[in-house]
């Protein structure tokens, strides 16, 4: 968002733990502490899926989501539940793109939550350590959910700023402004997908390093 000139936030990868701690309130700290205390009591139950099968399924779902995002930007007469607004004789307003982006966000949230549940369950059947990690992942996800959702809700607001900025940019040809915005929109959706997938990727990495 900084590169699109709609956010002046700086990204720092230093002091990660302290930054993360700022997102966890008192009740969340208690929940994490209690979850940690329960880990030694966890009973391991071996699962049916191999590491390879779990990893392959993750990449299959990821490819499917990427494909759905890309396809939604390609004009087609085929039915698509989420489809990019098509310019017509009426002026294009941001609310059309806002509905488009919000529809994708709802789809990402639904599919990635389901994928995370599936990966947790599968990974838990590989070893006791991974079962403990999956258990902690549940609590951490619940603790951070409200904060993370607030951050994702800001994206459409920043997109509106970008839409207004591009359409008034005299350095870009009028017929190219909307095209550039749509390209940036697709890139942002793919970036948000990767961001939302990070907790699941963490489980997959742990699986393959175990």
N, C-alpha and C. Protein backbone atom coordinates (compact mmCIF):
# COMPACT_ATOMS: atom_id res chain seq x y z
N UNK A 1 0.83 -1.20 0.00
CA UNK A 1 0.00 0.00 0.00
C UNK A 1 0.87 1.25 0.00
N UNK A 2 2.04 1.15 0.61
CA UNK A 2 2.97 2.29 0.59
C UNK A 2 3.42 2.59 -0.83
N UNK A 3 3.69 1.55 -1.60
CA UNK A 3 4.13 1.74 -2.98
C UNK A 3 3.04 2.39 -3.84
N UNK A 4 1.78 2.20 -3.47
CA UNK A 4 0.68 2.80 -4.22
C UNK A 4 0.39 4.23 -3.77
N UNK A 5 1.21 4.73 -2.84
CA UNK A 5 1.11 6.12 -2.37
C UNK A 5 -0.19 6.40 -1.62
N UNK A 6 -0.72 5.39 -0.94
CA UNK A 6 -1.94 5.61 -0.15
C UNK A 6 -1.73 5.29 1.32
N UNK A 7 -0.50 4.95 1.68
CA UNK A 7 -0.19 4.67 3.08
C UNK A 7 1.24 5.10 3.37
N UNK A 8 1.41 5.74 4.52
CA UNK A 8 2.76 6.16 4.91
C UNK A 8 3.32 5.28 6.02
N UNK A 9 2.70 4.11 6.21
CA UNK A 9 3.17 3.18 7.23
C UNK A 9 4.52 2.61 6.84
N UNK A 10 5.39 2.44 7.81
CA UNK A 10 6.69 1.82 7.57
C UNK A 10 6.67 0.39 8.08
N UNK A 11 7.29 -0.50 7.32
CA UNK A 11 7.31 -1.91 7.68
C UNK A 11 8.68 -2.25 8.25
N UNK A 12 8.68 -2.78 9.46
CA UNK A 12 9.93 -3.17 10.10
C UNK A 12 9.83 -4.63 10.53
N UNK A 13 10.88 -5.39 10.24
CA UNK A 13 10.91 -6.80 10.64
C UNK A 13 11.74 -7.00 11.91
N UNK A 14 12.12 -5.90 12.54
CA UNK A 14 12.88 -5.97 13.78
C UNK A 14 11.92 -6.00 14.97
N UNK A 15 12.37 -6.59 16.07
CA UNK A 15 11.59 -6.64 17.31
C UNK A 15 10.20 -7.24 17.08
N UNK A 16 10.17 -8.35 16.34
CA UNK A 16 8.89 -8.96 15.99
C UNK A 16 8.06 -9.32 17.21
N UNK A 17 8.71 -9.92 18.22
CA UNK A 17 7.99 -10.40 19.40
C UNK A 17 7.30 -9.24 20.12
N UNK A 18 8.01 -8.12 20.28
CA UNK A 18 7.41 -6.98 20.99
C UNK A 18 6.26 -6.39 20.18
N UNK A 19 6.39 -6.36 18.84
CA UNK A 19 5.30 -5.86 18.00
C UNK A 19 4.08 -6.77 18.14
N UNK A 20 4.32 -8.08 18.10
CA UNK A 20 3.22 -9.03 18.24
C UNK A 20 2.55 -8.89 19.59
N UNK A 21 3.35 -8.66 20.63
CA UNK A 21 2.80 -8.51 21.97
C UNK A 21 1.83 -7.34 22.09
N UNK A 22 2.04 -6.31 21.28
CA UNK A 22 1.14 -5.15 21.31
C UNK A 22 -0.25 -5.48 20.80
N UNK A 23 -0.37 -6.58 20.06
CA UNK A 23 -1.67 -6.96 19.51
C UNK A 23 -2.45 -7.89 20.44
N UNK A 24 -1.83 -8.32 21.54
CA UNK A 24 -2.46 -9.28 22.43
C UNK A 24 -2.81 -8.60 23.74
N UNK A 25 -4.09 -8.53 24.05
CA UNK A 25 -4.52 -7.87 25.27
C UNK A 25 -4.42 -8.83 26.47
N UNK A 26 -4.89 -8.36 27.61
CA UNK A 26 -4.75 -9.15 28.85
C UNK A 26 -5.49 -10.48 28.78
N UNK A 27 -6.72 -10.43 28.27
CA UNK A 27 -7.50 -11.68 28.18
C UNK A 27 -6.85 -12.65 27.19
N UNK A 28 -6.27 -12.10 26.11
CA UNK A 28 -5.58 -12.95 25.16
C UNK A 28 -4.34 -13.60 25.76
N UNK A 29 -3.63 -12.84 26.60
CA UNK A 29 -2.44 -13.39 27.27
C UNK A 29 -2.82 -14.54 28.19
N UNK A 30 -3.93 -14.38 28.88
CA UNK A 30 -4.40 -15.45 29.77
C UNK A 30 -4.77 -16.69 28.97
N UNK A 31 -5.46 -16.47 27.85
CA UNK A 31 -5.86 -17.60 27.00
C UNK A 31 -4.65 -18.36 26.48
N UNK A 32 -3.63 -17.63 26.05
CA UNK A 32 -2.41 -18.28 25.55
C UNK A 32 -1.68 -19.02 26.66
N UNK A 33 -1.66 -18.44 27.86
CA UNK A 33 -1.00 -19.09 29.00
C UNK A 33 -1.71 -20.40 29.37
N UNK A 34 -3.04 -20.35 29.40
CA UNK A 34 -3.81 -21.55 29.73
C UNK A 34 -3.63 -22.63 28.65
N UNK A 35 -3.60 -22.19 27.39
CA UNK A 35 -3.40 -23.15 26.30
C UNK A 35 -2.04 -23.82 26.41
N UNK A 36 -1.03 -23.05 26.79
CA UNK A 36 0.32 -23.60 26.94
C UNK A 36 0.36 -24.61 28.09
N UNK A 37 -0.36 -24.33 29.16
CA UNK A 37 -0.38 -25.25 30.30
C UNK A 37 -1.06 -26.57 29.96
N UNK A 38 -1.98 -26.54 29.00
CA UNK A 38 -2.72 -27.74 28.63
C UNK A 38 -1.96 -28.65 27.68
N UNK A 39 -0.88 -28.14 27.09
CA UNK A 39 -0.16 -28.92 26.07
C UNK A 39 0.35 -30.27 26.57
N UNK A 40 0.92 -30.35 27.80
CA UNK A 40 1.41 -31.66 28.26
C UNK A 40 0.31 -32.71 28.42
N UNK A 41 -0.94 -32.25 28.52
CA UNK A 41 -2.06 -33.18 28.71
C UNK A 41 -2.61 -33.69 27.37
N UNK A 42 -2.11 -33.14 26.28
CA UNK A 42 -2.62 -33.49 24.96
C UNK A 42 -2.30 -34.95 24.63
N UNK A 43 -3.30 -35.68 24.16
CA UNK A 43 -3.12 -37.09 23.79
C UNK A 43 -2.99 -37.17 22.27
N UNK A 44 -1.90 -37.76 21.81
CA UNK A 44 -1.63 -37.85 20.38
C UNK A 44 -2.41 -39.00 19.75
N UNK A 45 -3.04 -38.70 18.61
CA UNK A 45 -3.73 -39.72 17.83
C UNK A 45 -3.20 -39.67 16.40
N UNK A 46 -2.63 -40.76 15.95
CA UNK A 46 -2.04 -40.80 14.62
C UNK A 46 -3.10 -40.63 13.54
N UNK A 47 -2.75 -39.84 12.52
CA UNK A 47 -3.67 -39.61 11.42
C UNK A 47 -3.39 -40.51 10.23
N UNK A 48 -4.20 -40.36 9.19
CA UNK A 48 -4.10 -41.23 8.02
C UNK A 48 -3.27 -40.62 6.90
N UNK A 49 -3.13 -39.30 6.88
CA UNK A 49 -2.46 -38.64 5.76
C UNK A 49 -0.96 -38.51 6.00
N UNK A 50 -0.20 -38.63 4.93
CA UNK A 50 1.25 -38.47 5.00
C UNK A 50 1.61 -36.99 4.89
N UNK A 51 2.88 -36.67 5.18
CA UNK A 51 3.36 -35.29 5.01
C UNK A 51 3.17 -34.83 3.57
N UNK A 52 3.49 -35.72 2.64
CA UNK A 52 3.41 -35.37 1.23
C UNK A 52 1.97 -35.06 0.82
N UNK A 53 1.03 -35.87 1.30
CA UNK A 53 -0.38 -35.67 0.95
C UNK A 53 -0.90 -34.35 1.51
N UNK A 54 -0.51 -34.03 2.75
CA UNK A 54 -0.95 -32.78 3.38
C UNK A 54 -0.40 -31.58 2.62
N UNK A 55 0.89 -31.65 2.28
CA UNK A 55 1.54 -30.56 1.55
C UNK A 55 0.94 -30.40 0.16
N UNK A 56 0.73 -31.51 -0.54
CA UNK A 56 0.16 -31.45 -1.89
C UNK A 56 -1.24 -30.84 -1.87
N UNK A 57 -2.02 -31.19 -0.88
CA UNK A 57 -3.37 -30.64 -0.79
C UNK A 57 -3.34 -29.14 -0.53
N UNK A 58 -2.40 -28.70 0.30
CA UNK A 58 -2.26 -27.26 0.56
C UNK A 58 -1.99 -26.51 -0.74
N UNK A 59 -1.02 -26.99 -1.52
CA UNK A 59 -0.68 -26.29 -2.76
C UNK A 59 -1.82 -26.38 -3.78
N UNK A 60 -2.57 -27.46 -3.76
CA UNK A 60 -3.71 -27.60 -4.66
C UNK A 60 -4.75 -26.52 -4.36
N UNK A 61 -5.07 -26.35 -3.08
CA UNK A 61 -6.06 -25.33 -2.69
C UNK A 61 -5.53 -23.93 -2.99
N UNK A 62 -4.25 -23.71 -2.71
CA UNK A 62 -3.65 -22.41 -2.99
C UNK A 62 -3.74 -22.07 -4.48
N UNK A 63 -3.40 -23.03 -5.34
CA UNK A 63 -3.49 -22.81 -6.78
C UNK A 63 -4.93 -22.51 -7.20
N UNK A 64 -5.87 -23.18 -6.58
CA UNK A 64 -7.28 -22.99 -6.90
C UNK A 64 -7.72 -21.56 -6.56
N UNK A 65 -7.27 -21.05 -5.42
CA UNK A 65 -7.64 -19.69 -5.02
C UNK A 65 -7.00 -18.66 -5.95
N UNK A 66 -5.72 -18.87 -6.27
CA UNK A 66 -5.03 -17.96 -7.20
C UNK A 66 -5.76 -17.95 -8.54
N UNK A 67 -6.13 -19.13 -9.02
CA UNK A 67 -6.83 -19.23 -10.30
C UNK A 67 -8.15 -18.47 -10.26
N UNK A 68 -8.89 -18.58 -9.17
CA UNK A 68 -10.18 -17.90 -9.05
C UNK A 68 -10.01 -16.38 -9.09
N UNK A 69 -8.96 -15.89 -8.43
CA UNK A 69 -8.70 -14.44 -8.43
C UNK A 69 -8.37 -13.97 -9.84
N UNK A 70 -7.44 -14.67 -10.50
CA UNK A 70 -7.03 -14.27 -11.85
C UNK A 70 -8.20 -14.34 -12.83
N UNK A 71 -8.99 -15.40 -12.75
CA UNK A 71 -10.13 -15.57 -13.66
C UNK A 71 -11.17 -14.47 -13.49
N UNK A 72 -11.31 -13.95 -12.29
CA UNK A 72 -12.32 -12.91 -12.05
C UNK A 72 -11.99 -11.61 -12.76
N UNK A 73 -10.74 -11.47 -13.23
CA UNK A 73 -10.33 -10.28 -13.96
C UNK A 73 -10.40 -10.47 -15.48
N UNK A 74 -10.72 -11.67 -15.93
CA UNK A 74 -10.75 -11.97 -17.37
C UNK A 74 -12.20 -11.93 -17.85
N UNK A 75 -12.51 -11.02 -18.81
CA UNK A 75 -13.89 -10.96 -19.33
C UNK A 75 -14.30 -12.30 -19.93
N UNK A 76 -15.48 -12.74 -19.55
CA UNK A 76 -15.96 -14.04 -20.05
C UNK A 76 -17.48 -14.08 -19.95
N UNK A 77 -18.09 -14.81 -20.89
CA UNK A 77 -19.54 -15.01 -20.84
C UNK A 77 -19.92 -16.14 -19.88
N UNK A 78 -18.92 -16.90 -19.46
CA UNK A 78 -19.19 -17.98 -18.51
C UNK A 78 -19.56 -17.41 -17.15
N UNK A 79 -20.33 -18.20 -16.40
CA UNK A 79 -20.75 -17.73 -15.08
C UNK A 79 -19.55 -17.64 -14.14
N UNK A 80 -19.42 -16.50 -13.49
CA UNK A 80 -18.41 -16.30 -12.45
C UNK A 80 -19.09 -15.61 -11.28
N UNK A 81 -18.96 -16.20 -10.11
CA UNK A 81 -19.63 -15.64 -8.94
C UNK A 81 -19.07 -14.26 -8.59
N UNK A 82 -17.76 -14.08 -8.78
CA UNK A 82 -17.13 -12.78 -8.54
C UNK A 82 -16.50 -12.35 -9.87
N UNK A 83 -16.96 -11.22 -10.39
CA UNK A 83 -16.49 -10.77 -11.70
C UNK A 83 -16.17 -9.28 -11.63
N UNK A 84 -15.05 -8.91 -12.25
CA UNK A 84 -14.63 -7.52 -12.28
C UNK A 84 -15.67 -6.67 -13.00
N UNK A 85 -16.01 -5.50 -12.44
CA UNK A 85 -16.95 -4.60 -13.13
C UNK A 85 -16.43 -4.22 -14.51
N UNK A 86 -17.33 -4.20 -15.48
CA UNK A 86 -16.96 -3.88 -16.86
C UNK A 86 -17.37 -2.44 -17.17
N UNK A 87 -16.44 -1.62 -17.66
CA UNK A 87 -16.79 -0.24 -18.01
C UNK A 87 -17.89 -0.21 -19.08
N UNK A 88 -18.81 0.73 -18.92
CA UNK A 88 -19.86 0.91 -19.92
C UNK A 88 -20.05 2.40 -20.17
N UNK A 89 -21.17 2.77 -20.66
CA UNK A 89 -21.38 4.18 -20.97
C UNK A 89 -21.51 5.03 -19.72
N UNK A 90 -21.89 4.42 -18.61
CA UNK A 90 -22.02 5.18 -17.36
C UNK A 90 -20.66 5.34 -16.70
N UNK A 91 -20.45 6.41 -15.97
CA UNK A 91 -19.16 6.61 -15.28
C UNK A 91 -18.90 5.49 -14.28
N UNK A 92 -17.69 5.02 -14.22
CA UNK A 92 -17.33 3.98 -13.27
C UNK A 92 -17.06 4.62 -11.91
N UNK A 93 -17.69 4.11 -10.88
CA UNK A 93 -17.50 4.64 -9.54
C UNK A 93 -16.82 3.58 -8.68
N UNK A 94 -16.19 4.03 -7.61
CA UNK A 94 -15.40 3.09 -6.80
C UNK A 94 -16.27 2.05 -6.11
N UNK A 95 -17.52 2.37 -5.80
CA UNK A 95 -18.35 1.42 -5.06
C UNK A 95 -18.48 0.08 -5.78
N UNK A 96 -18.40 0.10 -7.13
CA UNK A 96 -18.44 -1.17 -7.88
C UNK A 96 -17.21 -2.01 -7.58
N UNK A 97 -16.05 -1.37 -7.54
CA UNK A 97 -14.81 -2.08 -7.24
C UNK A 97 -14.73 -2.45 -5.76
N UNK A 98 -15.32 -1.64 -4.92
CA UNK A 98 -15.35 -1.96 -3.50
C UNK A 98 -16.13 -3.25 -3.26
N UNK A 99 -17.30 -3.37 -3.91
CA UNK A 99 -18.10 -4.60 -3.76
C UNK A 99 -17.33 -5.81 -4.29
N UNK A 100 -16.62 -5.59 -5.41
CA UNK A 100 -15.80 -6.65 -6.00
C UNK A 100 -14.71 -7.10 -5.03
N UNK A 101 -14.01 -6.14 -4.43
CA UNK A 101 -12.91 -6.48 -3.52
C UNK A 101 -13.45 -7.13 -2.24
N UNK A 102 -14.52 -6.59 -1.71
CA UNK A 102 -15.11 -7.16 -0.49
C UNK A 102 -15.59 -8.58 -0.71
N UNK A 103 -16.13 -8.85 -1.90
CA UNK A 103 -16.57 -10.22 -2.22
C UNK A 103 -15.38 -11.17 -2.21
N UNK A 104 -14.26 -10.71 -2.77
CA UNK A 104 -13.05 -11.53 -2.74
C UNK A 104 -12.54 -11.72 -1.31
N UNK A 105 -12.60 -10.68 -0.51
CA UNK A 105 -12.14 -10.81 0.88
C UNK A 105 -12.98 -11.83 1.64
N UNK A 106 -14.29 -11.81 1.43
CA UNK A 106 -15.15 -12.80 2.09
C UNK A 106 -14.80 -14.21 1.63
N UNK A 107 -14.54 -14.36 0.32
CA UNK A 107 -14.17 -15.66 -0.22
C UNK A 107 -12.83 -16.14 0.33
N UNK A 108 -11.86 -15.21 0.40
CA UNK A 108 -10.55 -15.56 0.97
C UNK A 108 -10.68 -15.99 2.42
N UNK A 109 -11.44 -15.24 3.17
CA UNK A 109 -11.61 -15.55 4.59
C UNK A 109 -12.22 -16.93 4.77
N UNK A 110 -13.26 -17.22 4.00
CA UNK A 110 -13.96 -18.51 4.11
C UNK A 110 -13.05 -19.68 3.71
N UNK A 111 -12.40 -19.55 2.56
CA UNK A 111 -11.61 -20.68 2.05
C UNK A 111 -10.35 -20.91 2.88
N UNK A 112 -9.72 -19.84 3.33
CA UNK A 112 -8.47 -20.01 4.08
C UNK A 112 -8.76 -20.49 5.50
N UNK A 113 -9.87 -20.06 6.08
CA UNK A 113 -10.24 -20.61 7.38
C UNK A 113 -10.46 -22.11 7.29
N UNK A 114 -11.17 -22.53 6.25
CA UNK A 114 -11.40 -23.97 6.06
C UNK A 114 -10.09 -24.72 5.82
N UNK A 115 -9.20 -24.11 5.03
CA UNK A 115 -7.91 -24.74 4.76
C UNK A 115 -7.09 -24.85 6.04
N UNK A 116 -7.12 -23.80 6.86
CA UNK A 116 -6.36 -23.83 8.11
C UNK A 116 -6.89 -24.91 9.04
N UNK A 117 -8.21 -25.04 9.12
CA UNK A 117 -8.80 -26.10 9.95
C UNK A 117 -8.37 -27.48 9.46
N UNK A 118 -8.38 -27.64 8.14
CA UNK A 118 -8.01 -28.93 7.55
C UNK A 118 -6.55 -29.26 7.78
N UNK A 119 -5.68 -28.27 7.58
CA UNK A 119 -4.25 -28.50 7.77
C UNK A 119 -3.94 -28.78 9.24
N UNK A 120 -4.56 -28.03 10.14
CA UNK A 120 -4.37 -28.29 11.59
C UNK A 120 -4.69 -29.73 11.92
N UNK A 121 -5.88 -30.16 11.47
CA UNK A 121 -6.33 -31.52 11.80
C UNK A 121 -5.37 -32.56 11.23
N UNK A 122 -4.92 -32.35 10.00
CA UNK A 122 -4.03 -33.31 9.36
C UNK A 122 -2.66 -33.33 10.00
N UNK A 123 -2.11 -32.13 10.26
CA UNK A 123 -0.79 -32.02 10.86
C UNK A 123 -0.78 -32.63 12.27
N UNK A 124 -1.88 -32.50 12.98
CA UNK A 124 -1.97 -33.03 14.35
C UNK A 124 -1.80 -34.54 14.39
N UNK A 125 -2.05 -35.20 13.25
CA UNK A 125 -1.93 -36.65 13.21
C UNK A 125 -0.55 -37.15 12.85
N UNK A 126 0.41 -36.24 12.70
CA UNK A 126 1.77 -36.64 12.33
C UNK A 126 2.64 -36.91 13.55
N UNK A 127 2.58 -36.02 14.55
CA UNK A 127 3.39 -36.20 15.76
C UNK A 127 2.77 -35.41 16.90
N UNK A 128 3.19 -35.73 18.12
CA UNK A 128 2.70 -35.03 19.30
C UNK A 128 3.10 -33.56 19.24
N UNK A 129 4.33 -33.29 18.83
CA UNK A 129 4.82 -31.90 18.77
C UNK A 129 3.98 -31.07 17.81
N UNK A 130 3.64 -31.64 16.67
CA UNK A 130 2.82 -30.91 15.70
C UNK A 130 1.38 -30.77 16.18
N UNK A 131 0.91 -31.74 16.94
CA UNK A 131 -0.42 -31.63 17.53
C UNK A 131 -0.45 -30.49 18.54
N UNK A 132 0.63 -30.33 19.31
CA UNK A 132 0.72 -29.23 20.26
C UNK A 132 0.79 -27.89 19.54
N UNK A 133 1.56 -27.84 18.46
CA UNK A 133 1.65 -26.61 17.67
C UNK A 133 0.29 -26.23 17.11
N UNK A 134 -0.44 -27.21 16.61
CA UNK A 134 -1.77 -26.95 16.06
C UNK A 134 -2.72 -26.44 17.12
N UNK A 135 -2.59 -26.98 18.32
CA UNK A 135 -3.43 -26.52 19.43
C UNK A 135 -3.14 -25.06 19.78
N UNK A 136 -1.86 -24.71 19.80
CA UNK A 136 -1.49 -23.31 20.05
C UNK A 136 -1.95 -22.40 18.92
N UNK A 137 -1.92 -22.92 17.71
CA UNK A 137 -2.36 -22.13 16.55
C UNK A 137 -3.82 -21.73 16.67
N UNK A 138 -4.64 -22.62 17.21
CA UNK A 138 -6.06 -22.31 17.42
C UNK A 138 -6.21 -21.11 18.35
N UNK A 139 -5.52 -21.16 19.49
CA UNK A 139 -5.63 -20.10 20.48
C UNK A 139 -5.07 -18.79 19.96
N UNK A 140 -3.91 -18.86 19.30
CA UNK A 140 -3.29 -17.64 18.78
C UNK A 140 -4.17 -17.01 17.70
N UNK A 141 -4.75 -17.84 16.85
CA UNK A 141 -5.64 -17.35 15.81
C UNK A 141 -6.85 -16.63 16.41
N UNK A 142 -7.45 -17.24 17.43
CA UNK A 142 -8.61 -16.62 18.09
C UNK A 142 -8.23 -15.31 18.79
N UNK A 143 -7.01 -15.28 19.35
CA UNK A 143 -6.55 -14.10 20.08
C UNK A 143 -6.33 -12.91 19.14
N UNK A 144 -5.81 -13.19 17.95
CA UNK A 144 -5.45 -12.11 17.01
C UNK A 144 -6.55 -11.80 16.00
N UNK A 145 -7.61 -12.59 15.97
CA UNK A 145 -8.62 -12.49 14.91
C UNK A 145 -9.21 -11.08 14.78
N UNK A 146 -9.62 -10.50 15.90
CA UNK A 146 -10.27 -9.18 15.84
C UNK A 146 -9.33 -8.12 15.28
N UNK A 147 -8.07 -8.15 15.74
CA UNK A 147 -7.09 -7.17 15.27
C UNK A 147 -6.80 -7.36 13.78
N UNK A 148 -6.62 -8.60 13.36
CA UNK A 148 -6.31 -8.88 11.97
C UNK A 148 -7.47 -8.45 11.06
N UNK A 149 -8.69 -8.72 11.48
CA UNK A 149 -9.86 -8.35 10.67
C UNK A 149 -9.97 -6.84 10.52
N UNK A 150 -9.61 -6.11 11.56
CA UNK A 150 -9.63 -4.64 11.46
C UNK A 150 -8.61 -4.16 10.43
N UNK A 151 -7.46 -4.81 10.37
CA UNK A 151 -6.44 -4.42 9.40
C UNK A 151 -6.92 -4.69 7.97
N UNK A 152 -7.53 -5.84 7.74
CA UNK A 152 -8.02 -6.15 6.40
C UNK A 152 -9.14 -5.19 5.98
N UNK A 153 -9.92 -4.73 6.94
CA UNK A 153 -11.03 -3.81 6.62
C UNK A 153 -10.53 -2.45 6.14
N UNK A 154 -9.28 -2.12 6.47
CA UNK A 154 -8.71 -0.84 6.05
C UNK A 154 -8.36 -0.84 4.56
N UNK A 155 -8.08 -2.01 4.00
CA UNK A 155 -7.60 -2.09 2.61
C UNK A 155 -8.57 -1.45 1.62
N UNK A 156 -9.88 -1.75 1.65
CA UNK A 156 -10.79 -1.09 0.70
C UNK A 156 -10.81 0.43 0.84
N UNK A 157 -10.61 0.93 2.05
CA UNK A 157 -10.58 2.38 2.26
C UNK A 157 -9.36 2.99 1.57
N UNK A 158 -8.22 2.31 1.69
CA UNK A 158 -7.01 2.80 1.02
C UNK A 158 -7.13 2.65 -0.50
N UNK A 159 -7.83 1.63 -0.94
CA UNK A 159 -8.05 1.44 -2.37
C UNK A 159 -8.86 2.59 -2.97
N UNK A 160 -9.80 3.07 -2.20
CA UNK A 160 -10.60 4.20 -2.69
C UNK A 160 -9.72 5.43 -2.90
N UNK A 161 -8.78 5.65 -2.00
CA UNK A 161 -7.83 6.75 -2.16
C UNK A 161 -7.01 6.56 -3.43
N UNK A 162 -6.59 5.32 -3.69
CA UNK A 162 -5.80 5.03 -4.88
C UNK A 162 -6.63 5.24 -6.15
N UNK A 163 -7.89 4.82 -6.12
CA UNK A 163 -8.79 4.98 -7.26
C UNK A 163 -8.94 6.46 -7.62
N UNK A 164 -9.18 7.27 -6.61
CA UNK A 164 -9.34 8.71 -6.81
C UNK A 164 -8.05 9.34 -7.32
N UNK A 165 -6.92 8.90 -6.75
CA UNK A 165 -5.62 9.44 -7.15
C UNK A 165 -5.30 9.12 -8.60
N UNK A 166 -5.54 7.88 -9.01
CA UNK A 166 -5.23 7.47 -10.38
C UNK A 166 -6.11 8.18 -11.41
N UNK A 167 -7.39 8.29 -11.12
CA UNK A 167 -8.29 8.89 -12.09
C UNK A 167 -8.07 10.39 -12.26
N UNK A 168 -7.33 10.98 -11.34
CA UNK A 168 -7.03 12.41 -11.47
C UNK A 168 -5.58 12.65 -11.87
N UNK A 169 -4.83 11.57 -12.14
CA UNK A 169 -3.42 11.69 -12.48
C UNK A 169 -3.27 12.06 -13.96
N UNK A 170 -2.85 13.27 -14.24
CA UNK A 170 -2.74 13.76 -15.60
C UNK A 170 -1.54 13.15 -16.34
N UNK A 171 -0.63 12.51 -15.59
CA UNK A 171 0.54 11.90 -16.21
C UNK A 171 0.20 10.58 -16.90
N UNK A 172 -0.97 10.03 -16.58
CA UNK A 172 -1.40 8.77 -17.16
C UNK A 172 -2.53 9.03 -18.15
N UNK A 173 -2.46 8.40 -19.31
CA UNK A 173 -3.51 8.58 -20.31
C UNK A 173 -4.86 8.15 -19.73
N UNK A 174 -5.92 8.90 -20.02
CA UNK A 174 -7.24 8.59 -19.44
C UNK A 174 -7.68 7.15 -19.66
N UNK A 175 -7.40 6.60 -20.85
CA UNK A 175 -7.85 5.23 -21.13
C UNK A 175 -6.99 4.18 -20.46
N UNK A 176 -5.88 4.61 -19.85
CA UNK A 176 -4.98 3.67 -19.17
C UNK A 176 -5.15 3.69 -17.65
N UNK A 177 -5.83 4.69 -17.14
CA UNK A 177 -5.93 4.84 -15.69
C UNK A 177 -6.69 3.68 -15.06
N UNK A 178 -7.82 3.34 -15.65
CA UNK A 178 -8.63 2.25 -15.10
C UNK A 178 -7.91 0.92 -15.26
N UNK A 179 -7.21 0.75 -16.38
CA UNK A 179 -6.46 -0.48 -16.61
C UNK A 179 -5.37 -0.65 -15.55
N UNK A 180 -4.67 0.44 -15.24
CA UNK A 180 -3.62 0.37 -14.22
C UNK A 180 -4.22 0.05 -12.86
N UNK A 181 -5.36 0.66 -12.55
CA UNK A 181 -6.01 0.40 -11.26
C UNK A 181 -6.38 -1.08 -11.14
N UNK A 182 -6.92 -1.66 -12.21
CA UNK A 182 -7.32 -3.07 -12.16
C UNK A 182 -6.11 -3.98 -12.01
N UNK A 183 -5.00 -3.64 -12.66
CA UNK A 183 -3.78 -4.42 -12.49
C UNK A 183 -3.29 -4.36 -11.04
N UNK A 184 -3.35 -3.18 -10.46
CA UNK A 184 -2.94 -3.03 -9.06
C UNK A 184 -3.90 -3.76 -8.13
N UNK A 185 -5.17 -3.75 -8.49
CA UNK A 185 -6.19 -4.44 -7.70
C UNK A 185 -5.91 -5.94 -7.65
N UNK A 186 -5.58 -6.49 -8.81
CA UNK A 186 -5.26 -7.92 -8.85
C UNK A 186 -4.01 -8.24 -8.05
N UNK A 187 -2.98 -7.41 -8.21
CA UNK A 187 -1.75 -7.63 -7.45
C UNK A 187 -1.99 -7.55 -5.95
N UNK A 188 -2.86 -6.65 -5.53
CA UNK A 188 -3.15 -6.51 -4.11
C UNK A 188 -3.92 -7.71 -3.57
N UNK A 189 -4.84 -8.22 -4.35
CA UNK A 189 -5.59 -9.41 -3.93
C UNK A 189 -4.67 -10.61 -3.77
N UNK A 190 -3.74 -10.77 -4.71
CA UNK A 190 -2.79 -11.89 -4.62
C UNK A 190 -1.86 -11.70 -3.42
N UNK A 191 -1.49 -10.46 -3.13
CA UNK A 191 -0.65 -10.20 -1.96
C UNK A 191 -1.42 -10.48 -0.67
N UNK A 192 -2.70 -10.10 -0.65
CA UNK A 192 -3.51 -10.37 0.55
C UNK A 192 -3.70 -11.87 0.75
N UNK A 193 -3.84 -12.60 -0.35
CA UNK A 193 -3.93 -14.06 -0.25
C UNK A 193 -2.70 -14.62 0.44
N UNK A 194 -1.52 -14.19 0.01
CA UNK A 194 -0.28 -14.70 0.61
C UNK A 194 -0.19 -14.32 2.08
N UNK A 195 -0.65 -13.13 2.41
CA UNK A 195 -0.63 -12.69 3.81
C UNK A 195 -1.55 -13.55 4.67
N UNK A 196 -2.75 -13.78 4.16
CA UNK A 196 -3.72 -14.59 4.91
C UNK A 196 -3.25 -16.04 5.05
N UNK A 197 -2.46 -16.50 4.10
CA UNK A 197 -1.99 -17.89 4.13
C UNK A 197 -0.82 -18.12 5.08
N UNK A 198 -0.19 -17.05 5.57
CA UNK A 198 1.03 -17.20 6.37
C UNK A 198 0.88 -18.16 7.55
N UNK A 199 -0.21 -18.10 8.34
CA UNK A 199 -0.33 -19.06 9.44
C UNK A 199 -0.37 -20.51 8.96
N UNK A 200 -1.03 -20.74 7.81
CA UNK A 200 -1.11 -22.09 7.27
C UNK A 200 0.26 -22.51 6.74
N UNK A 201 0.96 -21.59 6.08
CA UNK A 201 2.30 -21.88 5.58
C UNK A 201 3.22 -22.22 6.75
N UNK A 202 3.03 -21.55 7.89
CA UNK A 202 3.82 -21.86 9.08
C UNK A 202 3.63 -23.31 9.52
N UNK A 203 2.39 -23.78 9.46
CA UNK A 203 2.12 -25.18 9.83
C UNK A 203 2.74 -26.13 8.82
N UNK A 204 2.66 -25.79 7.54
CA UNK A 204 3.24 -26.64 6.50
C UNK A 204 4.77 -26.68 6.64
N UNK A 205 5.38 -25.53 6.93
CA UNK A 205 6.83 -25.50 7.13
C UNK A 205 7.24 -26.35 8.31
N UNK A 206 6.49 -26.23 9.40
CA UNK A 206 6.79 -27.04 10.58
C UNK A 206 6.64 -28.52 10.28
N UNK A 207 5.62 -28.86 9.51
CA UNK A 207 5.39 -30.25 9.10
C UNK A 207 6.59 -30.81 8.36
N UNK A 208 7.09 -30.04 7.39
CA UNK A 208 8.16 -30.54 6.53
C UNK A 208 9.54 -30.47 7.20
N UNK A 209 9.65 -29.72 8.29
CA UNK A 209 10.91 -29.67 9.04
C UNK A 209 10.93 -30.68 10.18
N UNK A 210 9.80 -31.31 10.46
CA UNK A 210 9.72 -32.23 11.59
C UNK A 210 10.39 -33.57 11.24
